[in-house]
Amino acid sequence: MELKKFKMNRIDEVLISLRRVTRAIDLHSKHLMKTAGLTAPQMLILQTLRDQGDAIISDVANQVSLSQATVTSILDRLEKRGLVMRERSRQDKRKVFACLTDTGNNLIRNAPMPLQDYFIRQFSDLQEWEQTQIISALQRVAHMMDAQHIDAAPLLDVGAIDRQSEEEGRTFGFNNNEK
């Protein structure tokens, strides 16, 4: 009986930790949306354009580890909000560059730091063996949840990667929080 109770407590600890991670991601995503009106992927793309300058969409997609179609969809939304603009290359008309506008630059300058940046900083400070241990444990957990085949981008965010922001949803007469 005592062994069963011990095992259940350990299972509870794992489930509580998973729930905390999930909630932290969800709460930070909501905070980012509330304060900046951006999803984490939108923020990541804006930061990439800020850090690398004007870039063709395929380069942005490679940098943020998302498909070109997903990045194009996100850029469409950002362009509608005046945060980015697209310009054709003067040398090669087939190339289209995504460019951060002053409005986009100001928005990300004042936006909260993405949760992913906090995680990267903390994870980078760990010893290599600790990093390897965490990777192994999380891969095992994903497998235990039958999630190893789920396509996922390296982003700490909830929901569809190219979803529209809540602000845009209200513009079209619905709220993403409604079921």
C-alpha atoms as a PDB file:
ATOM      1  CA  MET A   1       0.000   0.000   0.000  1.00  0.00           C
ATOM      2  CA  GLU A   2       2.798   2.381   0.951  1.00  0.00           C
ATOM      3  CA  LEU A   3       4.612   1.691  -2.358  1.00  0.00           C
ATOM      4  CA  LYS A   4       1.445   2.434  -4.312  1.00  0.00           C
ATOM      5  CA  LYS A   5       1.028   5.729  -2.424  1.00  0.00           C
ATOM      6  CA  PHE A   6       4.683   6.595  -3.115  1.00  0.00           C
ATOM      7  CA  LYS A   7       4.227   5.891  -6.844  1.00  0.00           C
ATOM      8  CA  MET A   8       1.044   7.947  -6.966  1.00  0.00           C
ATOM      9  CA  ASN A   9       2.768  10.889  -5.279  1.00  0.00           C
ATOM     10  CA  ARG A  10       5.548  10.750  -7.886  1.00  0.00           C
ATOM     11  CA  ILE A  11       3.005  10.559 -10.698  1.00  0.00           C
ATOM     12  CA  ASP A  12       1.194  13.523  -9.174  1.00  0.00           C
ATOM     13  CA  GLU A  13       4.464  15.441  -9.017  1.00  0.00           C
ATOM     14  CA  VAL A  14       5.101  14.808 -12.715  1.00  0.00           C
ATOM     15  CA  LEU A  15       1.562  15.765 -13.705  1.00  0.00           C
ATOM     16  CA  ILE A  16       1.677  18.898 -11.556  1.00  0.00           C
ATOM     17  CA  SER A  17       4.986  19.910 -13.135  1.00  0.00           C
ATOM     18  CA  LEU A  18       3.602  19.335 -16.635  1.00  0.00           C
ATOM     19  CA  ARG A  19       0.536  21.368 -15.759  1.00  0.00           C
ATOM     20  CA  ARG A  20       2.713  24.191 -14.407  1.00  0.00           C
ATOM     21  CA  VAL A  21       4.720  24.289 -17.625  1.00  0.00           C
ATOM     22  CA  THR A  22       1.541  24.298 -19.708  1.00  0.00           C
ATOM     23  CA  ARG A  23      -0.016  27.031 -17.569  1.00  0.00           C
ATOM     24  CA  ALA A  24       3.166  29.147 -17.634  1.00  0.00           C
ATOM     25  CA  ILE A  25       3.151  29.020 -21.431  1.00  0.00           C
ATOM     26  CA  ASP A  26      -0.562  29.820 -21.574  1.00  0.00           C
ATOM     27  CA  LEU A  27      -0.346  32.692 -19.072  1.00  0.00           C
ATOM     28  CA  HIS A  28       2.667  34.231 -20.772  1.00  0.00           C
ATOM     29  CA  SER A  29       0.983  33.926 -24.183  1.00  0.00           C
ATOM     30  CA  LYS A  30      -2.066  35.732 -22.807  1.00  0.00           C
ATOM     31  CA  HIS A  31       0.154  38.404 -21.221  1.00  0.00           C
ATOM     32  CA  LEU A  32       1.974  38.960 -24.511  1.00  0.00           C
ATOM     33  CA  MET A  33      -1.355  39.192 -26.330  1.00  0.00           C
ATOM     34  CA  LYS A  34      -2.811  41.596 -23.757  1.00  0.00           C
ATOM     35  CA  THR A  35       0.196  43.907 -23.539  1.00  0.00           C
ATOM     36  CA  ALA A  36       1.448  43.850 -27.142  1.00  0.00           C
ATOM     37  CA  GLY A  37      -1.412  42.322 -29.126  1.00  0.00           C
ATOM     38  CA  LEU A  38       0.982  39.698 -30.484  1.00  0.00           C
ATOM     39  CA  THR A  39       1.246  35.943 -30.460  1.00  0.00           C
ATOM     40  CA  ALA A  40       4.632  34.422 -29.630  1.00  0.00           C
ATOM     41  CA  PRO A  41       5.275  33.430 -33.279  1.00  0.00           C
ATOM     42  CA  GLN A  42       4.418  36.964 -34.427  1.00  0.00           C
ATOM     43  CA  MET A  43       6.824  38.351 -31.841  1.00  0.00           C
ATOM     44  CA  LEU A  44       9.531  35.910 -32.927  1.00  0.00           C
ATOM     45  CA  ILE A  45       9.189  36.954 -36.570  1.00  0.00           C
ATOM     46  CA  LEU A  46       9.271  40.656 -35.675  1.00  0.00           C
ATOM     47  CA  GLN A  47      12.386  40.095 -33.546  1.00  0.00           C
ATOM     48  CA  THR A  48      14.034  38.193 -36.401  1.00  0.00           C
ATOM     49  CA  LEU A  49      13.391  41.079 -38.800  1.00  0.00           C
ATOM     50  CA  ARG A  50      14.697  43.534 -36.209  1.00  0.00           C
ATOM     51  CA  ASP A  51      17.861  41.529 -35.590  1.00  0.00           C
ATOM     52  CA  GLN A  52      18.620  40.513 -39.182  1.00  0.00           C
ATOM     53  CA  GLY A  53      17.123  43.354 -41.140  1.00  0.00           C
ATOM     54  CA  ASP A  54      15.029  42.941 -44.258  1.00  0.00           C
ATOM     55  CA  ALA A  55      14.853  39.297 -45.286  1.00  0.00           C
ATOM     56  CA  ILE A  56      13.214  37.096 -47.867  1.00  0.00           C
ATOM     57  CA  ILE A  57      10.413  34.987 -46.453  1.00  0.00           C
ATOM     58  CA  SER A  58      12.217  31.666 -46.886  1.00  0.00           C
ATOM     59  CA  ASP A  59      15.146  33.005 -44.826  1.00  0.00           C
ATOM     60  CA  VAL A  60      12.768  34.156 -42.080  1.00  0.00           C
ATOM     61  CA  ALA A  61      11.082  30.726 -42.136  1.00  0.00           C
ATOM     62  CA  ASN A  62      14.442  28.974 -41.786  1.00  0.00           C
ATOM     63  CA  GLN A  63      15.534  31.273 -38.976  1.00  0.00           C
ATOM     64  CA  VAL A  64      12.381  30.720 -36.891  1.00  0.00           C
ATOM     65  CA  SER A  65      12.000  27.018 -37.819  1.00  0.00           C
ATOM     66  CA  LEU A  66       8.532  27.405 -39.309  1.00  0.00           C
ATOM     67  CA  SER A  67       7.240  26.537 -42.758  1.00  0.00           C
ATOM     68  CA  GLN A  68       7.291  29.221 -45.419  1.00  0.00           C
ATOM     69  CA  ALA A  69       3.476  28.977 -45.671  1.00  0.00           C
ATOM     70  CA  THR A  70       3.097  29.576 -41.929  1.00  0.00           C
ATOM     71  CA  VAL A  71       5.472  32.560 -42.001  1.00  0.00           C
ATOM     72  CA  THR A  72       3.620  33.986 -45.010  1.00  0.00           C
ATOM     73  CA  SER A  73       0.314  33.698 -43.126  1.00  0.00           C
ATOM     74  CA  ILE A  74       1.785  35.406 -40.061  1.00  0.00           C
ATOM     75  CA  LEU A  75       3.359  38.147 -42.207  1.00  0.00           C
ATOM     76  CA  ASP A  76      -0.045  38.759 -43.843  1.00  0.00           C
ATOM     77  CA  ARG A  77      -1.501  39.524 -40.417  1.00  0.00           C
ATOM     78  CA  LEU A  78       1.458  41.662 -39.365  1.00  0.00           C
ATOM     79  CA  GLU A  79       1.306  43.598 -42.634  1.00  0.00           C
ATOM     80  CA  LYS A  80      -2.419  44.334 -42.145  1.00  0.00           C
ATOM     81  CA  ARG A  81      -1.512  45.867 -38.779  1.00  0.00           C
ATOM     82  CA  GLY A  82       1.254  47.991 -40.314  1.00  0.00           C
ATOM     83  CA  LEU A  83       4.012  46.197 -38.387  1.00  0.00           C
ATOM     84  CA  VAL A  84       5.795  44.871 -41.464  1.00  0.00           C
ATOM     85  CA  MET A  85       5.778  45.651 -45.147  1.00  0.00           C
ATOM     86  CA  ARG A  86       6.902  43.699 -48.156  1.00  0.00           C
ATOM     87  CA  GLU A  87       9.080  45.000 -50.940  1.00  0.00           C
ATOM     88  CA  ARG A  88      10.159  43.375 -54.197  1.00  0.00           C
ATOM     89  CA  SER A  89      13.878  43.159 -54.820  1.00  0.00           C
ATOM     90  CA  ARG A  90      15.098  45.656 -57.398  1.00  0.00           C
ATOM     91  CA  GLN A  91      17.669  43.144 -58.668  1.00  0.00           C
ATOM     92  CA  ASP A  92      15.449  40.047 -58.735  1.00  0.00           C
ATOM     93  CA  LYS A  93      11.716  40.742 -59.000  1.00  0.00           C
ATOM     94  CA  ARG A  94      10.953  37.167 -57.888  1.00  0.00           C
ATOM     95  CA  LYS A  95      12.293  37.914 -54.404  1.00  0.00           C
ATOM     96  CA  VAL A  96      10.063  39.624 -51.866  1.00  0.00           C
ATOM     97  CA  PHE A  97      11.589  41.049 -48.705  1.00  0.00           C
ATOM     98  CA  ALA A  98       9.792  41.387 -45.387  1.00  0.00           C
ATOM     99  CA  CYS A  99      10.709  44.660 -43.686  1.00  0.00           C
ATOM    100  CA  LEU A 100      10.007  45.787 -40.144  1.00  0.00           C
ATOM    101  CA  THR A 101       8.215  49.134 -40.009  1.00  0.00           C
ATOM    102  CA  ASP A 102       8.877  51.810 -37.397  1.00  0.00           C
ATOM    103  CA  THR A 103       5.546  50.884 -35.797  1.00  0.00           C
ATOM    104  CA  GLY A 104       6.621  47.228 -35.604  1.00  0.00           C
ATOM    105  CA  ASN A 105       9.997  48.169 -34.182  1.00  0.00           C
ATOM    106  CA  ASN A 106       8.397  50.357 -31.506  1.00  0.00           C
ATOM    107  CA  LEU A 107       5.918  47.631 -30.605  1.00  0.00           C
ATOM    108  CA  ILE A 108       8.529  44.953 -30.005  1.00  0.00           C
ATOM    109  CA  ARG A 109      10.810  47.384 -28.187  1.00  0.00           C
ATOM    110  CA  ASN A 110       8.053  47.890 -25.596  1.00  0.00           C
ATOM    111  CA  ALA A 111       6.681  44.329 -25.584  1.00  0.00           C
ATOM    112  CA  PRO A 112       7.462  41.862 -22.789  1.00  0.00           C
ATOM    113  CA  MET A 113      10.274  39.418 -23.387  1.00  0.00           C
ATOM    114  CA  PRO A 114       8.974  36.129 -24.804  1.00  0.00           C
ATOM    115  CA  LEU A 115       8.944  33.227 -22.344  1.00  0.00           C
ATOM    116  CA  GLN A 116      11.176  31.381 -24.767  1.00  0.00           C
ATOM    117  CA  ASP A 117      13.945  33.953 -24.216  1.00  0.00           C
ATOM    118  CA  TYR A 118      13.811  33.380 -20.441  1.00  0.00           C
ATOM    119  CA  PHE A 119      13.975  29.637 -20.990  1.00  0.00           C
ATOM    120  CA  ILE A 120      16.890  29.873 -23.440  1.00  0.00           C
ATOM    121  CA  ARG A 121      18.885  31.990 -21.010  1.00  0.00           C
ATOM    122  CA  GLN A 122      18.282  29.583 -18.106  1.00  0.00           C
ATOM    123  CA  PHE A 123      18.843  26.436 -20.193  1.00  0.00           C
ATOM    124  CA  SER A 124      22.095  27.815 -21.631  1.00  0.00           C
ATOM    125  CA  ASP A 125      23.438  28.302 -18.110  1.00  0.00           C
ATOM    126  CA  LEU A 126      23.075  24.584 -17.333  1.00  0.00           C
ATOM    127  CA  GLN A 127      25.916  22.108 -17.622  1.00  0.00           C
ATOM    128  CA  GLU A 128      25.905  20.029 -20.808  1.00  0.00           C
ATOM    129  CA  TRP A 129      25.003  16.864 -18.874  1.00  0.00           C
ATOM    130  CA  GLU A 130      22.019  18.643 -17.310  1.00  0.00           C
ATOM    131  CA  GLN A 131      20.833  19.830 -20.732  1.00  0.00           C
ATOM    132  CA  THR A 132      21.147  16.303 -22.112  1.00  0.00           C
ATOM    133  CA  GLN A 133      19.247  14.884 -19.151  1.00  0.00           C
ATOM    134  CA  ILE A 134      16.379  17.367 -19.607  1.00  0.00           C
ATOM    135  CA  ILE A 135      16.190  16.710 -23.352  1.00  0.00           C
ATOM    136  CA  SER A 136      16.108  12.961 -22.768  1.00  0.00           C
ATOM    137  CA  ALA A 137      13.452  13.190 -20.055  1.00  0.00           C
ATOM    138  CA  LEU A 138      11.219  15.483 -22.119  1.00  0.00           C
ATOM    139  CA  GLN A 139      11.541  13.278 -25.185  1.00  0.00           C
ATOM    140  CA  ARG A 140      10.539  10.312 -23.034  1.00  0.00           C
ATOM    141  CA  VAL A 141       7.546  12.246 -21.660  1.00  0.00           C
ATOM    142  CA  ALA A 142       6.469  13.186 -25.204  1.00  0.00           C
ATOM    143  CA  HIS A 143       6.674   9.513 -26.141  1.00  0.00           C
ATOM    144  CA  MET A 144       4.703   8.476 -23.034  1.00  0.00           C
ATOM    145  CA  MET A 145       1.977  10.915 -24.084  1.00  0.00           C
ATOM    146  CA  ASP A 146       2.045   9.486 -27.632  1.00  0.00           C
ATOM    147  CA  ALA A 147       3.108  12.934 -28.845  1.00  0.00           C
ATOM    148  CA  GLN A 148       6.432  12.087 -30.478  1.00  0.00           C
ATOM    149  CA  HIS A 149       4.907  12.310 -33.958  1.00  0.00           C
ATOM    150  CA  ILE A 150       3.164  15.641 -33.454  1.00  0.00           C
ATOM    151  CA  ASP A 151       4.719  18.362 -35.589  1.00  0.00           C
ATOM    152  CA  ALA A 152       5.858  21.168 -33.331  1.00  0.00           C
ATOM    153  CA  ALA A 153       7.911  24.310 -33.844  1.00  0.00           C
ATOM    154  CA  PRO A 154      10.522  25.305 -31.250  1.00  0.00           C
ATOM    155  CA  LEU A 155       8.211  27.905 -29.706  1.00  0.00           C
ATOM    156  CA  LEU A 156       6.759  28.202 -26.247  1.00  0.00           C
ATOM    157  CA  ASP A 157       3.214  29.058 -27.272  1.00  0.00           C
ATOM    158  CA  VAL A 158      -0.231  27.526 -27.213  1.00  0.00           C
ATOM    159  CA  GLY A 159      -2.671  27.082 -30.056  1.00  0.00           C
ATOM    160  CA  ALA A 160      -2.088  27.159 -33.772  1.00  0.00           C
ATOM    161  CA  ILE A 161       1.162  28.873 -34.752  1.00  0.00           C
ATOM    162  CA  ASP A 162      -0.437  31.055 -37.436  1.00  0.00           C
ATOM    163  CA  ARG A 163      -3.616  31.896 -35.548  1.00  0.00           C
ATOM    164  CA  GLN A 164      -4.884  35.421 -35.672  1.00  0.00           C
ATOM    165  CA  SER A 165      -4.601  37.636 -32.641  1.00  0.00           C
ATOM    166  CA  GLU A 166      -7.573  38.218 -30.367  1.00  0.00           C
ATOM    167  CA  GLU A 167      -7.653  41.822 -31.521  1.00  0.00           C
ATOM    168  CA  GLU A 168      -8.083  40.736 -35.137  1.00  0.00           C
ATOM    169  CA  GLY A 169     -10.726  38.233 -34.034  1.00  0.00           C
ATOM    170  CA  ARG A 170     -12.783  41.004 -32.463  1.00  0.00           C
ATOM    171  CA  THR A 171     -12.453  42.986 -35.680  1.00  0.00           C
ATOM    172  CA  PHE A 172     -14.226  40.160 -37.483  1.00  0.00           C
ATOM    173  CA  GLY A 173     -16.933  39.814 -34.842  1.00  0.00           C
ATOM    174  CA  PHE A 174     -15.718  36.866 -32.804  1.00  0.00           C
ATOM    175  CA  ASN A 175     -13.396  36.256 -29.872  1.00  0.00           C
ATOM    176  CA  ASN A 176     -10.840  33.437 -29.888  1.00  0.00           C
ATOM    177  CA  ASN A 177     -11.594  32.755 -26.210  1.00  0.00           C
ATOM    178  CA  GLU A 178     -15.142  31.732 -27.028  1.00  0.00           C
ATOM    179  CA  LYS A 179     -15.744  28.040 -27.618  1.00  0.00           C
END
